[in-house]
Amino acid sequence: MKAQFRPLIVLFAVLAAITGLVYPAVMTVFGQAVFHRQVNGSLVEVGGKVVGSELIGQQFDAPKYFWGRLSATTPMPYNAQGSGGSNLGPTNPALADEVKGRIDALKAAGTDVSQPIPADLVTSSASGLDPEISPAAAAYQVARVAKARNISANDVQALVDRYTKGRQFGLFGEPRVNVLALNLALDGKDAS
């Protein structure tokens, strides 16, 4: 019996060492060497102070800022430890309440809601952490932001255009705008 268990124990120990120690160590060293910024959270700094991350959305609700997607994380919005969607189906009354609440917030902030509202402004994402919105969602907010900041809508739209990223490699995904980068640009702050 001992002869049968010895190879199993040795194989278990070798595989545990490879998958539990060697592989994570190699990936950590590789990540730090090749993708240092990304593996450390793609942090955004202004004046030497961390103000956010390119990868995780933040709560912006003042009329002078562009708003991102709603967050479904708990106990607070954009909580990376609580990432996950709301799983609310289209017939769920809670989804309708969420959408109505966001429309009411847009109205209260001075946004003209007479035109169709882009879906990403009134619904939460699958992760609850999206840092980006569609160019249509950004364009929808231009007039409100321009009015709140007392600047021309053309200047605000030019910033939106400048911060709009195209499809990945020209093929994958959709064009998008990073809300934090856009709001920092509006504040005249250079992010690093």
N, C-alpha and C. Protein backbone atom coordinates (compact mmCIF):
# COMPACT_ATOMS: atom_id res chain seq x y z
N MET A 1 0.81 -1.19 0.00
CA MET A 1 0.00 0.00 0.00
C MET A 1 0.86 1.26 0.00
N LYS A 2 1.97 1.20 0.77
CA LYS A 2 2.87 2.34 0.87
C LYS A 2 3.47 2.69 -0.49
N ALA A 3 3.76 1.67 -1.28
CA ALA A 3 4.34 1.87 -2.61
C ALA A 3 3.37 2.59 -3.54
N GLN A 4 2.07 2.45 -3.32
CA GLN A 4 1.08 3.11 -4.18
C GLN A 4 0.88 4.57 -3.78
N PHE A 5 0.98 4.86 -2.49
CA PHE A 5 0.74 6.23 -2.03
C PHE A 5 1.94 7.16 -2.22
N ARG A 6 3.12 6.59 -2.19
CA ARG A 6 4.31 7.44 -2.34
C ARG A 6 4.32 8.23 -3.65
N PRO A 7 4.10 7.62 -4.82
CA PRO A 7 4.08 8.41 -6.06
C PRO A 7 2.96 9.47 -6.05
N LEU A 8 1.83 9.16 -5.43
CA LEU A 8 0.73 10.13 -5.37
C LEU A 8 1.12 11.34 -4.53
N ILE A 9 1.76 11.09 -3.41
CA ILE A 9 2.16 12.18 -2.52
C ILE A 9 3.24 13.03 -3.17
N VAL A 10 4.20 12.38 -3.83
CA VAL A 10 5.27 13.12 -4.52
C VAL A 10 4.68 13.96 -5.65
N LEU A 11 3.79 13.38 -6.44
CA LEU A 11 3.16 14.12 -7.54
C LEU A 11 2.34 15.30 -7.02
N PHE A 12 1.61 15.08 -5.94
CA PHE A 12 0.84 16.16 -5.33
C PHE A 12 1.76 17.29 -4.87
N ALA A 13 2.85 16.96 -4.20
CA ALA A 13 3.80 17.96 -3.70
C ALA A 13 4.43 18.74 -4.85
N VAL A 14 4.83 18.05 -5.90
CA VAL A 14 5.45 18.72 -7.06
C VAL A 14 4.44 19.65 -7.74
N LEU A 15 3.24 19.17 -7.99
CA LEU A 15 2.23 20.01 -8.64
C LEU A 15 1.81 21.19 -7.77
N ALA A 16 1.71 20.95 -6.46
CA ALA A 16 1.37 22.05 -5.54
C ALA A 16 2.46 23.11 -5.56
N ALA A 17 3.72 22.69 -5.59
CA ALA A 17 4.82 23.65 -5.64
C ALA A 17 4.82 24.43 -6.94
N ILE A 18 4.58 23.74 -8.05
CA ILE A 18 4.58 24.41 -9.35
C ILE A 18 3.41 25.39 -9.46
N THR A 19 2.21 24.92 -9.16
CA THR A 19 1.02 25.78 -9.34
C THR A 19 0.80 26.76 -8.20
N GLY A 20 1.31 26.46 -7.02
CA GLY A 20 1.08 27.33 -5.87
C GLY A 20 2.22 28.29 -5.58
N LEU A 21 3.43 27.96 -6.02
CA LEU A 21 4.58 28.81 -5.72
C LEU A 21 5.30 29.30 -6.98
N VAL A 22 5.75 28.39 -7.81
CA VAL A 22 6.57 28.75 -8.96
C VAL A 22 5.78 29.59 -9.97
N TYR A 23 4.63 29.11 -10.40
CA TYR A 23 3.85 29.84 -11.41
C TYR A 23 3.45 31.24 -10.93
N PRO A 24 2.88 31.39 -9.72
CA PRO A 24 2.54 32.75 -9.26
C PRO A 24 3.77 33.66 -9.15
N ALA A 25 4.90 33.12 -8.72
CA ALA A 25 6.11 33.94 -8.61
C ALA A 25 6.59 34.40 -9.98
N VAL A 26 6.58 33.50 -10.96
CA VAL A 26 7.01 33.85 -12.32
C VAL A 26 6.06 34.89 -12.92
N MET A 27 4.76 34.72 -12.74
CA MET A 27 3.79 35.67 -13.28
C MET A 27 3.91 37.05 -12.61
N THR A 28 4.19 37.06 -11.31
CA THR A 28 4.36 38.32 -10.59
C THR A 28 5.59 39.06 -11.10
N VAL A 29 6.70 38.37 -11.23
CA VAL A 29 7.92 39.00 -11.74
C VAL A 29 7.71 39.47 -13.17
N PHE A 30 7.11 38.64 -14.01
CA PHE A 30 6.85 39.01 -15.41
C PHE A 30 5.94 40.23 -15.48
N GLY A 31 4.85 40.22 -14.70
CA GLY A 31 3.92 41.34 -14.70
C GLY A 31 4.57 42.63 -14.26
N GLN A 32 5.36 42.57 -13.19
CA GLN A 32 6.04 43.78 -12.70
C GLN A 32 7.06 44.29 -13.71
N ALA A 33 7.72 43.38 -14.42
CA ALA A 33 8.74 43.78 -15.39
C ALA A 33 8.14 44.34 -16.68
N VAL A 34 7.09 43.71 -17.17
CA VAL A 34 6.55 44.06 -18.49
C VAL A 34 5.32 44.96 -18.42
N PHE A 35 4.44 44.75 -17.45
CA PHE A 35 3.19 45.50 -17.33
C PHE A 35 3.08 46.17 -15.96
N HIS A 36 4.13 46.84 -15.53
CA HIS A 36 4.21 47.39 -14.18
C HIS A 36 3.00 48.25 -13.82
N ARG A 37 2.63 49.17 -14.69
CA ARG A 37 1.52 50.10 -14.40
C ARG A 37 0.20 49.35 -14.24
N GLN A 38 -0.06 48.41 -15.13
CA GLN A 38 -1.32 47.68 -15.11
C GLN A 38 -1.46 46.77 -13.89
N VAL A 39 -0.39 46.03 -13.54
CA VAL A 39 -0.51 45.11 -12.41
C VAL A 39 -0.60 45.85 -11.08
N ASN A 40 -0.25 47.12 -11.09
CA ASN A 40 -0.35 47.92 -9.87
C ASN A 40 -1.61 48.77 -9.86
N GLY A 41 -2.58 48.45 -10.71
CA GLY A 41 -3.90 49.07 -10.65
C GLY A 41 -4.16 50.21 -11.61
N SER A 42 -3.22 50.52 -12.50
CA SER A 42 -3.38 51.64 -13.43
C SER A 42 -3.83 52.89 -12.70
N LEU A 43 -3.12 53.21 -11.62
CA LEU A 43 -3.50 54.34 -10.79
C LEU A 43 -3.26 55.66 -11.51
N VAL A 44 -4.16 56.60 -11.27
CA VAL A 44 -4.07 57.93 -11.86
C VAL A 44 -3.63 58.89 -10.76
N GLU A 45 -2.54 59.60 -11.02
CA GLU A 45 -2.01 60.54 -10.04
C GLU A 45 -2.11 61.97 -10.58
N VAL A 46 -2.41 62.90 -9.70
CA VAL A 46 -2.40 64.32 -10.01
C VAL A 46 -1.61 65.01 -8.91
N GLY A 47 -0.53 65.64 -9.30
CA GLY A 47 0.30 66.32 -8.32
C GLY A 47 0.87 65.38 -7.27
N GLY A 48 1.20 64.16 -7.65
CA GLY A 48 1.77 63.20 -6.72
C GLY A 48 0.76 62.50 -5.82
N LYS A 49 -0.52 62.79 -6.01
CA LYS A 49 -1.57 62.19 -5.18
C LYS A 49 -2.45 61.28 -6.05
N VAL A 50 -2.71 60.08 -5.58
CA VAL A 50 -3.57 59.15 -6.32
C VAL A 50 -5.02 59.65 -6.23
N VAL A 51 -5.65 59.82 -7.40
CA VAL A 51 -7.03 60.30 -7.45
C VAL A 51 -8.00 59.25 -7.99
N GLY A 52 -7.48 58.10 -8.40
CA GLY A 52 -8.36 57.06 -8.91
C GLY A 52 -7.58 56.06 -9.74
N SER A 53 -8.33 55.27 -10.49
CA SER A 53 -7.76 54.24 -11.35
C SER A 53 -8.43 54.32 -12.72
N GLU A 54 -7.67 54.00 -13.75
CA GLU A 54 -8.24 53.94 -15.09
C GLU A 54 -9.20 52.76 -15.24
N LEU A 55 -9.11 51.79 -14.33
CA LEU A 55 -9.85 50.54 -14.48
C LEU A 55 -11.12 50.44 -13.65
N ILE A 56 -11.28 51.32 -12.66
CA ILE A 56 -12.44 51.25 -11.77
C ILE A 56 -13.15 52.60 -11.77
N GLY A 57 -14.46 52.57 -12.01
CA GLY A 57 -15.23 53.80 -12.05
C GLY A 57 -15.29 54.48 -10.69
N GLN A 58 -15.71 55.73 -10.71
CA GLN A 58 -15.86 56.50 -9.48
C GLN A 58 -17.19 57.22 -9.51
N GLN A 59 -17.64 57.58 -8.34
CA GLN A 59 -18.91 58.29 -8.19
C GLN A 59 -18.71 59.77 -8.54
N PHE A 60 -19.38 60.22 -9.58
CA PHE A 60 -19.45 61.64 -9.92
C PHE A 60 -20.92 61.97 -10.01
N ASP A 61 -21.40 62.90 -9.21
CA ASP A 61 -22.81 63.26 -9.29
C ASP A 61 -23.05 64.76 -9.29
N ALA A 62 -21.99 65.56 -9.30
CA ALA A 62 -22.16 67.01 -9.41
C ALA A 62 -22.48 67.34 -10.87
N PRO A 63 -23.35 68.31 -11.11
CA PRO A 63 -23.71 68.66 -12.50
C PRO A 63 -22.53 69.08 -13.37
N LYS A 64 -21.45 69.58 -12.77
CA LYS A 64 -20.31 70.05 -13.56
C LYS A 64 -19.40 68.92 -14.04
N TYR A 65 -19.73 67.68 -13.66
CA TYR A 65 -18.94 66.53 -14.07
C TYR A 65 -19.75 65.59 -14.95
N PHE A 66 -19.02 64.85 -15.80
CA PHE A 66 -19.65 63.77 -16.54
C PHE A 66 -19.89 62.62 -15.58
N TRP A 67 -21.01 61.96 -15.73
CA TRP A 67 -21.36 60.84 -14.87
C TRP A 67 -21.09 59.54 -15.60
N GLY A 68 -20.63 58.56 -14.85
CA GLY A 68 -20.38 57.24 -15.42
C GLY A 68 -21.61 56.36 -15.28
N ARG A 69 -21.40 55.09 -15.53
CA ARG A 69 -22.47 54.11 -15.36
C ARG A 69 -22.80 53.95 -13.89
N LEU A 70 -24.02 53.57 -13.63
CA LEU A 70 -24.42 53.26 -12.26
C LEU A 70 -23.64 52.06 -11.77
N SER A 71 -23.40 52.00 -10.49
CA SER A 71 -22.70 50.87 -9.90
C SER A 71 -23.68 50.04 -9.09
N ALA A 72 -23.62 48.72 -9.26
CA ALA A 72 -24.49 47.81 -8.52
C ALA A 72 -23.77 47.17 -7.35
N THR A 73 -22.56 47.69 -7.02
CA THR A 73 -21.81 47.06 -5.93
C THR A 73 -22.33 47.54 -4.57
N THR A 74 -22.11 46.71 -3.57
CA THR A 74 -22.52 47.05 -2.22
C THR A 74 -21.34 46.88 -1.29
N PRO A 75 -21.28 47.49 -0.17
CA PRO A 75 -22.25 48.41 0.42
C PRO A 75 -22.13 49.83 -0.10
N MET A 76 -21.12 50.09 -0.97
CA MET A 76 -20.96 51.43 -1.53
C MET A 76 -20.72 51.31 -3.03
N PRO A 77 -20.99 52.38 -3.77
CA PRO A 77 -20.77 52.34 -5.22
C PRO A 77 -19.30 52.14 -5.58
N TYR A 78 -19.06 51.44 -6.64
CA TYR A 78 -17.72 51.21 -7.19
C TYR A 78 -16.79 50.53 -6.19
N ASN A 79 -17.34 49.62 -5.41
CA ASN A 79 -16.58 48.84 -4.44
C ASN A 79 -15.98 47.64 -5.17
N ALA A 80 -14.67 47.67 -5.41
CA ALA A 80 -14.03 46.60 -6.18
C ALA A 80 -14.14 45.24 -5.50
N GLN A 81 -14.28 45.22 -4.18
CA GLN A 81 -14.42 43.95 -3.47
C GLN A 81 -15.82 43.36 -3.64
N GLY A 82 -16.76 44.17 -4.04
CA GLY A 82 -18.13 43.70 -4.20
C GLY A 82 -18.56 43.68 -5.65
N SER A 83 -17.62 43.49 -6.55
CA SER A 83 -17.92 43.54 -7.98
C SER A 83 -18.96 42.51 -8.37
N GLY A 84 -19.91 42.94 -9.16
CA GLY A 84 -20.94 42.05 -9.65
C GLY A 84 -22.15 42.84 -10.11
N GLY A 85 -22.86 42.30 -11.02
CA GLY A 85 -24.04 42.98 -11.54
C GLY A 85 -25.22 42.81 -10.61
N SER A 86 -26.26 43.54 -10.92
CA SER A 86 -27.47 43.46 -10.11
C SER A 86 -28.31 42.24 -10.48
N ASN A 87 -28.10 41.71 -11.68
CA ASN A 87 -28.87 40.57 -12.18
C ASN A 87 -30.36 40.86 -12.25
N LEU A 88 -30.71 42.12 -12.44
CA LEU A 88 -32.11 42.49 -12.57
C LEU A 88 -32.55 42.30 -14.02
N GLY A 89 -33.60 41.51 -14.21
CA GLY A 89 -34.12 41.28 -15.55
C GLY A 89 -34.98 42.44 -16.02
N PRO A 90 -35.28 42.50 -17.30
CA PRO A 90 -36.03 43.62 -17.86
C PRO A 90 -37.45 43.75 -17.30
N THR A 91 -37.99 42.70 -16.72
CA THR A 91 -39.35 42.79 -16.16
C THR A 91 -39.32 43.02 -14.64
N ASN A 92 -38.15 43.12 -14.07
CA ASN A 92 -38.03 43.32 -12.63
C ASN A 92 -38.34 44.78 -12.28
N PRO A 93 -39.28 45.02 -11.37
CA PRO A 93 -39.62 46.40 -10.99
C PRO A 93 -38.44 47.17 -10.39
N ALA A 94 -37.50 46.47 -9.77
CA ALA A 94 -36.33 47.14 -9.19
C ALA A 94 -35.47 47.78 -10.28
N LEU A 95 -35.40 47.15 -11.45
CA LEU A 95 -34.65 47.73 -12.58
C LEU A 95 -35.36 49.00 -13.05
N ALA A 96 -36.67 48.95 -13.16
CA ALA A 96 -37.42 50.14 -13.56
C ALA A 96 -37.23 51.27 -12.55
N ASP A 97 -37.19 50.94 -11.26
CA ASP A 97 -36.96 51.95 -10.23
C ASP A 97 -35.56 52.55 -10.35
N GLU A 98 -34.56 51.70 -10.64
CA GLU A 98 -33.18 52.17 -10.81
C GLU A 98 -33.10 53.15 -11.98
N VAL A 99 -33.71 52.78 -13.09
CA VAL A 99 -33.70 53.64 -14.29
C VAL A 99 -34.43 54.95 -14.00
N LYS A 100 -35.59 54.86 -13.37
CA LYS A 100 -36.36 56.07 -13.05
C LYS A 100 -35.57 56.98 -12.11
N GLY A 101 -34.90 56.39 -11.14
CA GLY A 101 -34.09 57.18 -10.21
C GLY A 101 -32.97 57.93 -10.91
N ARG A 102 -32.32 57.27 -11.87
CA ARG A 102 -31.24 57.93 -12.60
C ARG A 102 -31.79 59.03 -13.52
N ILE A 103 -32.94 58.78 -14.14
CA ILE A 103 -33.55 59.81 -14.98
C ILE A 103 -33.91 61.02 -14.13
N ASP A 104 -34.47 60.77 -12.95
CA ASP A 104 -34.80 61.88 -12.03
C ASP A 104 -33.54 62.65 -11.63
N ALA A 105 -32.43 61.94 -11.39
CA ALA A 105 -31.18 62.60 -11.02
C ALA A 105 -30.65 63.43 -12.19
N LEU A 106 -30.77 62.90 -13.41
CA LEU A 106 -30.35 63.67 -14.58
C LEU A 106 -31.18 64.95 -14.72
N LYS A 107 -32.49 64.82 -14.53
CA LYS A 107 -33.36 66.01 -14.60
C LYS A 107 -32.97 67.02 -13.53
N ALA A 108 -32.77 66.55 -12.30
CA ALA A 108 -32.44 67.45 -11.19
C ALA A 108 -31.10 68.17 -11.42
N ALA A 109 -30.20 67.53 -12.15
CA ALA A 109 -28.90 68.14 -12.42
C ALA A 109 -28.96 69.10 -13.61
N GLY A 110 -30.11 69.19 -14.25
CA GLY A 110 -30.27 70.13 -15.36
C GLY A 110 -30.05 69.53 -16.73
N THR A 111 -30.06 68.22 -16.82
CA THR A 111 -29.90 67.56 -18.12
C THR A 111 -31.23 67.55 -18.84
N ASP A 112 -31.21 67.91 -20.12
CA ASP A 112 -32.42 67.85 -20.93
C ASP A 112 -32.69 66.38 -21.26
N VAL A 113 -33.74 65.82 -20.71
CA VAL A 113 -34.05 64.40 -20.92
C VAL A 113 -35.16 64.19 -21.94
N SER A 114 -35.38 65.20 -22.80
CA SER A 114 -36.44 65.06 -23.80
C SER A 114 -36.01 64.13 -24.94
N GLN A 115 -34.71 63.98 -25.15
CA GLN A 115 -34.20 63.06 -26.17
C GLN A 115 -33.99 61.68 -25.55
N PRO A 116 -33.95 60.62 -26.36
CA PRO A 116 -33.69 59.28 -25.81
C PRO A 116 -32.36 59.25 -25.05
N ILE A 117 -32.38 58.63 -23.89
CA ILE A 117 -31.20 58.58 -23.03
C ILE A 117 -30.40 57.31 -23.35
N PRO A 118 -29.09 57.44 -23.57
CA PRO A 118 -28.28 56.24 -23.79
C PRO A 118 -28.40 55.27 -22.61
N ALA A 119 -28.51 54.00 -22.91
CA ALA A 119 -28.74 52.98 -21.88
C ALA A 119 -27.65 52.96 -20.82
N ASP A 120 -26.41 53.26 -21.19
CA ASP A 120 -25.35 53.18 -20.19
C ASP A 120 -25.39 54.32 -19.18
N LEU A 121 -26.26 55.29 -19.35
CA LEU A 121 -26.42 56.33 -18.34
C LEU A 121 -27.46 55.96 -17.29
N VAL A 122 -28.30 55.01 -17.58
CA VAL A 122 -29.40 54.69 -16.66
C VAL A 122 -29.41 53.25 -16.16
N THR A 123 -28.42 52.46 -16.57
CA THR A 123 -28.34 51.07 -16.12
C THR A 123 -26.95 50.79 -15.58
N SER A 124 -26.85 49.83 -14.70
CA SER A 124 -25.54 49.45 -14.17
C SER A 124 -24.92 48.39 -15.08
N SER A 125 -23.61 48.26 -14.96
CA SER A 125 -22.89 47.31 -15.80
C SER A 125 -22.83 45.94 -15.13
N ALA A 126 -22.32 44.97 -15.85
CA ALA A 126 -22.21 43.62 -15.31
C ALA A 126 -21.24 43.56 -14.14
N SER A 127 -20.18 44.35 -14.18
CA SER A 127 -19.22 44.33 -13.07
C SER A 127 -19.58 45.32 -11.99
N GLY A 128 -20.31 46.37 -12.35
CA GLY A 128 -20.61 47.44 -11.41
C GLY A 128 -19.46 48.40 -11.22
N LEU A 129 -18.41 48.25 -12.04
CA LEU A 129 -17.19 49.05 -11.86
C LEU A 129 -16.76 49.82 -13.11
N ASP A 130 -17.54 49.81 -14.16
CA ASP A 130 -17.11 50.40 -15.43
C ASP A 130 -16.60 51.82 -15.28
N PRO A 131 -15.36 52.09 -15.75
CA PRO A 131 -14.82 53.44 -15.69
C PRO A 131 -15.15 54.25 -16.94
N GLU A 132 -15.78 53.62 -17.92
CA GLU A 132 -16.00 54.27 -19.21
C GLU A 132 -17.48 54.29 -19.59
N ILE A 133 -17.82 55.26 -20.43
CA ILE A 133 -19.15 55.36 -20.99
C ILE A 133 -19.02 55.46 -22.50
N SER A 134 -20.12 55.31 -23.19
CA SER A 134 -20.11 55.43 -24.64
C SER A 134 -19.98 56.90 -25.03
N PRO A 135 -19.47 57.17 -26.23
CA PRO A 135 -19.44 58.56 -26.70
C PRO A 135 -20.84 59.18 -26.73
N ALA A 136 -21.86 58.38 -26.99
CA ALA A 136 -23.24 58.89 -27.00
C ALA A 136 -23.65 59.35 -25.60
N ALA A 137 -23.26 58.59 -24.57
CA ALA A 137 -23.58 58.98 -23.19
C ALA A 137 -22.84 60.25 -22.80
N ALA A 138 -21.61 60.39 -23.28
CA ALA A 138 -20.85 61.61 -23.00
C ALA A 138 -21.49 62.80 -23.73
N ALA A 139 -21.82 62.61 -25.01
CA ALA A 139 -22.43 63.69 -25.78
C ALA A 139 -23.76 64.13 -25.17
N TYR A 140 -24.48 63.19 -24.59
CA TYR A 140 -25.77 63.50 -23.96
C TYR A 140 -25.61 64.46 -22.78
N GLN A 141 -24.44 64.43 -22.15
CA GLN A 141 -24.20 65.25 -20.97
C GLN A 141 -23.48 66.57 -21.25
N VAL A 142 -23.06 66.79 -22.49
CA VAL A 142 -22.26 67.97 -22.83
C VAL A 142 -22.95 69.27 -22.44
N ALA A 143 -24.20 69.43 -22.80
CA ALA A 143 -24.91 70.69 -22.53
C ALA A 143 -24.97 70.99 -21.02
N ARG A 144 -25.27 69.96 -20.21
CA ARG A 144 -25.35 70.16 -18.77
C ARG A 144 -24.00 70.57 -18.18
N VAL A 145 -22.94 69.88 -18.58
CA VAL A 145 -21.60 70.16 -18.06
C VAL A 145 -21.16 71.56 -18.49
N ALA A 146 -21.40 71.90 -19.75
CA ALA A 146 -21.03 73.22 -20.26
C ALA A 146 -21.75 74.32 -19.49
N LYS A 147 -23.04 74.13 -19.26
CA LYS A 147 -23.82 75.13 -18.53
C LYS A 147 -23.33 75.25 -17.09
N ALA A 148 -23.08 74.13 -16.43
CA ALA A 148 -22.64 74.15 -15.04
C ALA A 148 -21.26 74.80 -14.89
N ARG A 149 -20.43 74.68 -15.91
CA ARG A 149 -19.08 75.24 -15.86
C ARG A 149 -19.00 76.61 -16.54
N ASN A 150 -20.09 77.03 -17.15
CA ASN A 150 -20.14 78.32 -17.84
C ASN A 150 -19.07 78.40 -18.94
N ILE A 151 -18.97 77.33 -19.73
CA ILE A 151 -18.08 77.30 -20.88
C ILE A 151 -18.89 76.84 -22.09
N SER A 152 -18.33 76.99 -23.26
CA SER A 152 -19.11 76.65 -24.45
C SER A 152 -19.24 75.13 -24.61
N ALA A 153 -20.38 74.75 -25.14
CA ALA A 153 -20.63 73.32 -25.39
C ALA A 153 -19.64 72.79 -26.42
N ASN A 154 -19.21 73.63 -27.35
CA ASN A 154 -18.23 73.19 -28.35
C ASN A 154 -16.89 72.83 -27.70
N ASP A 155 -16.48 73.62 -26.68
CA ASP A 155 -15.23 73.31 -25.97
C ASP A 155 -15.35 72.00 -25.21
N VAL A 156 -16.49 71.77 -24.59
CA VAL A 156 -16.71 70.53 -23.85
C VAL A 156 -16.75 69.35 -24.82
N GLN A 157 -17.43 69.51 -25.94
CA GLN A 157 -17.50 68.44 -26.94
C GLN A 157 -16.11 68.14 -27.50
N ALA A 158 -15.29 69.15 -27.67
CA ALA A 158 -13.92 68.94 -28.15
C ALA A 158 -13.13 68.07 -27.16
N LEU A 159 -13.34 68.30 -25.87
CA LEU A 159 -12.69 67.45 -24.86
C LEU A 159 -13.19 66.02 -24.94
N VAL A 160 -14.49 65.87 -25.10
CA VAL A 160 -15.06 64.52 -25.25
C VAL A 160 -14.43 63.82 -26.44
N ASP A 161 -14.34 64.53 -27.56
CA ASP A 161 -13.75 63.94 -28.76
C ASP A 161 -12.28 63.55 -28.53
N ARG A 162 -11.55 64.41 -27.81
CA ARG A 162 -10.14 64.15 -27.54
C ARG A 162 -9.95 62.93 -26.65
N TYR A 163 -10.88 62.69 -25.73
CA TYR A 163 -10.75 61.57 -24.79
C TYR A 163 -11.53 60.32 -25.21
N THR A 164 -12.08 60.33 -26.40
CA THR A 164 -12.77 59.15 -26.91
C THR A 164 -11.74 58.19 -27.50
N LYS A 165 -11.76 56.96 -27.01
CA LYS A 165 -10.87 55.92 -27.52
C LYS A 165 -11.67 55.06 -28.49
N GLY A 166 -11.02 54.64 -29.55
CA GLY A 166 -11.67 53.79 -30.54
C GLY A 166 -11.68 52.33 -30.11
N ARG A 167 -12.10 51.49 -31.03
CA ARG A 167 -12.13 50.05 -30.78
C ARG A 167 -10.72 49.52 -30.54
N GLN A 168 -10.60 48.51 -29.70
CA GLN A 168 -9.31 47.89 -29.44
C GLN A 168 -8.79 47.28 -30.73
N PHE A 169 -7.58 47.65 -31.13
CA PHE A 169 -6.95 47.18 -32.37
C PHE A 169 -7.83 47.47 -33.59
N GLY A 170 -8.75 48.41 -33.47
CA GLY A 170 -9.63 48.76 -34.57
C GLY A 170 -10.74 47.75 -34.82
N LEU A 171 -10.81 46.69 -34.01
CA LEU A 171 -11.78 45.61 -34.25
C LEU A 171 -12.68 45.29 -33.07
N PHE A 172 -12.11 45.27 -31.87
CA PHE A 172 -12.81 44.72 -30.72
C PHE A 172 -13.45 45.80 -29.86
N GLY A 173 -14.64 45.50 -29.35
CA GLY A 173 -15.32 46.40 -28.44
C GLY A 173 -15.95 47.58 -29.16
N GLU A 174 -16.27 48.58 -28.38
CA GLU A 174 -16.92 49.77 -28.89
C GLU A 174 -16.11 51.00 -28.50
N PRO A 175 -16.28 52.10 -29.20
CA PRO A 175 -15.62 53.34 -28.76
C PRO A 175 -16.09 53.69 -27.35
N ARG A 176 -15.20 54.34 -26.58
CA ARG A 176 -15.51 54.60 -25.19
C ARG A 176 -14.79 55.86 -24.71
N VAL A 177 -15.28 56.40 -23.58
CA VAL A 177 -14.69 57.59 -22.98
C VAL A 177 -14.45 57.28 -21.50
N ASN A 178 -13.21 57.47 -21.03
CA ASN A 178 -12.91 57.26 -19.62
C ASN A 178 -13.40 58.48 -18.85
N VAL A 179 -14.33 58.28 -17.93
CA VAL A 179 -14.99 59.37 -17.21
C VAL A 179 -14.00 60.13 -16.31
N LEU A 180 -13.14 59.42 -15.60
CA LEU A 180 -12.18 60.08 -14.72
C LEU A 180 -11.23 60.97 -15.52
N ALA A 181 -10.67 60.45 -16.60
CA ALA A 181 -9.74 61.24 -17.42
C ALA A 181 -10.43 62.49 -17.98
N LEU A 182 -11.67 62.33 -18.44
CA LEU A 182 -12.42 63.46 -18.98
C LEU A 182 -12.69 64.51 -17.90
N ASN A 183 -13.10 64.07 -16.73
CA ASN A 183 -13.39 65.02 -15.65
C ASN A 183 -12.12 65.72 -15.15
N LEU A 184 -11.00 65.01 -15.13
CA LEU A 184 -9.74 65.66 -14.76
C LEU A 184 -9.35 66.70 -15.80
N ALA A 185 -9.56 66.38 -17.06
CA ALA A 185 -9.27 67.35 -18.12
C ALA A 185 -10.15 68.58 -17.98
N LEU A 186 -11.41 68.39 -17.62
CA LEU A 186 -12.31 69.53 -17.40
C LEU A 186 -11.82 70.42 -16.26
N ASP A 187 -11.25 69.78 -15.25
CA ASP A 187 -10.71 70.54 -14.11
C ASP A 187 -9.36 71.15 -14.41
N GLY A 188 -8.83 70.82 -15.60
CA GLY A 188 -7.53 71.36 -15.99
C GLY A 188 -6.36 70.72 -15.29
N LYS A 189 -6.54 69.48 -14.85
CA LYS A 189 -5.49 68.77 -14.14
C LYS A 189 -4.84 67.76 -15.06
N ASP A 190 -3.54 67.70 -15.04
CA ASP A 190 -2.80 66.71 -15.84
C ASP A 190 -2.62 65.45 -15.02
N ALA A 191 -3.15 64.36 -15.53
CA ALA A 191 -3.02 63.06 -14.86
C ALA A 191 -1.75 62.39 -15.34
N SER A 192 -1.14 61.63 -14.44
CA SER A 192 0.04 60.87 -14.83
C SER A 192 -0.14 59.41 -14.48
